[in-house]
Amino acid sequence: MVQPILVVEDDESIALAMAELLRDEGYSVITAANGREALESLASHSPSMIFLDMKMPIMDGWAFAAAYRAQPGVHAPLIVLTAARDAGKRAAEIQAQAFLAKPFAIEDVLDLVQRFLT
């Protein structure tokens, strides 16, 4: 079974656009509107990579990353999604493997997926 890509993003239009883009490329995708939903999805799915917004209600990206890393087992690459000017700093704070600054180009998303899933 193919492991899905998890998109954790509270902006529904961004989450839907990313999911559609990735599905069009043949990937399985799960979306979550906040960190708590994302953690709940991990009970039934083991994602191949995680695109993670940092500023979200209920549970933000920092709290999700800490809870996720505390879980035993292999962890998927974390890719920070942020509109912050210091995207690299945000990624470093949670030991993310990469970051994607908003707004981003379709090619940037696909390049990251290729980089981490091939």
Protein backbone atom coordinates (compact mmCIF):
# COMPACT_ATOMS: atom_id res chain seq x y z
CA MET A 1 0.00 0.00 0.00
CA VAL A 2 1.22 3.46 -0.91
CA GLN A 3 1.80 5.74 2.03
CA PRO A 4 -0.13 9.02 1.72
CA ILE A 5 1.24 12.53 1.90
CA LEU A 6 -0.24 14.43 4.86
CA VAL A 7 -1.06 18.12 4.32
CA VAL A 8 -1.66 19.95 7.61
CA GLU A 9 -3.03 23.38 6.73
CA ASP A 10 -5.83 25.47 8.22
CA ASP A 11 -6.39 27.53 5.06
CA GLU A 12 -8.88 25.31 3.25
CA SER A 13 -8.11 26.75 -0.18
CA ILE A 14 -4.39 26.00 0.20
CA ALA A 15 -5.05 22.51 1.58
CA LEU A 16 -7.45 21.68 -1.26
CA ALA A 17 -5.13 23.07 -3.92
CA MET A 18 -2.17 21.07 -2.60
CA ALA A 19 -4.25 17.91 -2.30
CA GLU A 20 -5.55 18.29 -5.86
CA LEU A 21 -2.07 18.97 -7.23
CA LEU A 22 -0.59 15.92 -5.49
CA ARG A 23 -3.49 13.65 -6.45
CA ASP A 24 -3.14 14.78 -10.07
CA GLU A 25 0.47 13.59 -9.85
CA GLY A 26 -0.70 10.18 -8.62
CA TYR A 27 -0.11 10.54 -4.89
CA SER A 28 -2.49 9.59 -2.12
CA VAL A 29 -3.22 12.59 0.11
CA ILE A 30 -4.75 13.15 3.55
CA THR A 31 -5.53 16.65 4.82
CA ALA A 32 -5.89 17.95 8.35
CA ALA A 33 -6.99 21.44 9.41
CA ASN A 34 -4.77 21.55 12.51
CA GLY A 35 -2.17 19.60 14.42
CA ARG A 36 -4.69 17.72 16.53
CA GLU A 37 -6.51 16.40 13.46
CA ALA A 38 -3.14 15.45 11.98
CA LEU A 39 -2.16 13.49 15.10
CA GLU A 40 -5.53 11.70 15.02
CA SER A 41 -4.95 10.72 11.38
CA LEU A 42 -1.64 9.12 12.37
CA ALA A 43 -3.60 6.45 14.26
CA SER A 44 -4.70 4.97 10.94
CA HIS A 45 -2.13 6.29 8.44
CA SER A 46 1.65 6.40 8.22
CA PRO A 47 2.43 9.29 5.90
CA SER A 48 5.39 9.25 3.54
CA MET A 49 5.91 12.99 4.12
CA ILE A 50 4.15 15.82 5.93
CA PHE A 51 3.55 19.37 4.72
CA LEU A 52 3.01 21.34 7.94
CA ASP A 53 1.62 24.83 8.38
CA MET A 54 2.97 26.47 11.52
CA LYS A 55 0.26 28.93 12.60
CA MET A 56 -3.02 27.08 13.06
CA PRO A 57 -5.80 27.08 15.65
CA ILE A 58 -6.29 24.27 18.19
CA MET A 59 -2.76 22.81 17.76
CA ASP A 60 -0.07 24.72 15.87
CA GLY A 61 2.85 23.31 13.89
CA TRP A 62 5.32 23.55 16.78
CA ALA A 63 3.07 21.53 19.10
CA PHE A 64 2.32 18.98 16.37
CA ALA A 65 6.00 18.52 15.54
CA ALA A 66 6.88 17.96 19.20
CA ALA A 67 4.05 15.44 19.68
CA TYR A 68 4.87 13.68 16.40
CA ARG A 69 8.58 13.36 17.18
CA ALA A 70 7.74 11.99 20.64
CA GLN A 71 5.96 9.04 19.03
CA PRO A 72 8.04 5.88 18.60
CA GLY A 73 9.04 4.61 15.19
CA VAL A 74 10.18 6.05 11.91
CA HIS A 75 9.16 9.62 11.20
CA ALA A 76 8.23 11.06 7.83
CA PRO A 77 10.06 14.12 6.54
CA LEU A 78 8.47 17.36 7.76
CA ILE A 79 8.17 20.21 5.28
CA VAL A 80 7.20 23.54 6.85
CA LEU A 81 4.59 25.66 5.04
CA THR A 82 4.79 29.27 6.15
CA ALA A 83 4.19 32.82 5.01
CA ALA A 84 6.74 34.05 7.56
CA ARG A 85 9.80 35.86 6.24
CA ASP A 86 12.03 33.63 8.33
CA ALA A 87 10.80 30.33 6.86
CA GLY A 88 14.21 28.72 7.31
CA LYS A 89 14.26 29.65 10.99
CA ARG A 90 10.79 28.17 11.49
CA ALA A 91 11.90 24.94 9.83
CA ALA A 92 15.04 24.79 11.99
CA GLU A 93 12.99 25.26 15.17
CA ILE A 94 11.25 21.92 14.61
CA GLN A 95 14.12 20.16 12.83
CA ALA A 96 12.12 20.05 9.59
CA GLN A 97 13.84 18.63 6.55
CA ALA A 98 12.78 21.56 4.33
CA PHE A 99 10.42 24.50 4.03
CA LEU A 100 8.10 25.98 1.46
CA ALA A 101 7.45 29.71 1.67
CA LYS A 102 3.93 30.88 0.87
CA PRO A 103 2.97 31.75 -1.78
CA PHE A 104 4.71 28.87 -3.51
CA ALA A 105 4.90 27.59 -7.06
CA ILE A 106 3.54 24.21 -8.13
CA GLU A 107 7.04 23.24 -9.28
CA ASP A 108 8.40 23.86 -5.77
CA VAL A 109 5.88 21.46 -4.24
CA LEU A 110 6.63 18.78 -6.82
CA ASP A 111 10.39 19.26 -6.46
CA LEU A 112 10.16 18.62 -2.71
CA VAL A 113 8.00 15.54 -3.21
CA GLN A 114 10.50 14.19 -5.76
CA ARG A 115 13.39 14.96 -3.40
CA PHE A 116 11.93 13.10 -0.43
CA LEU A 117 9.96 10.30 -2.05
CA THR A 118 12.34 9.01 -4.71
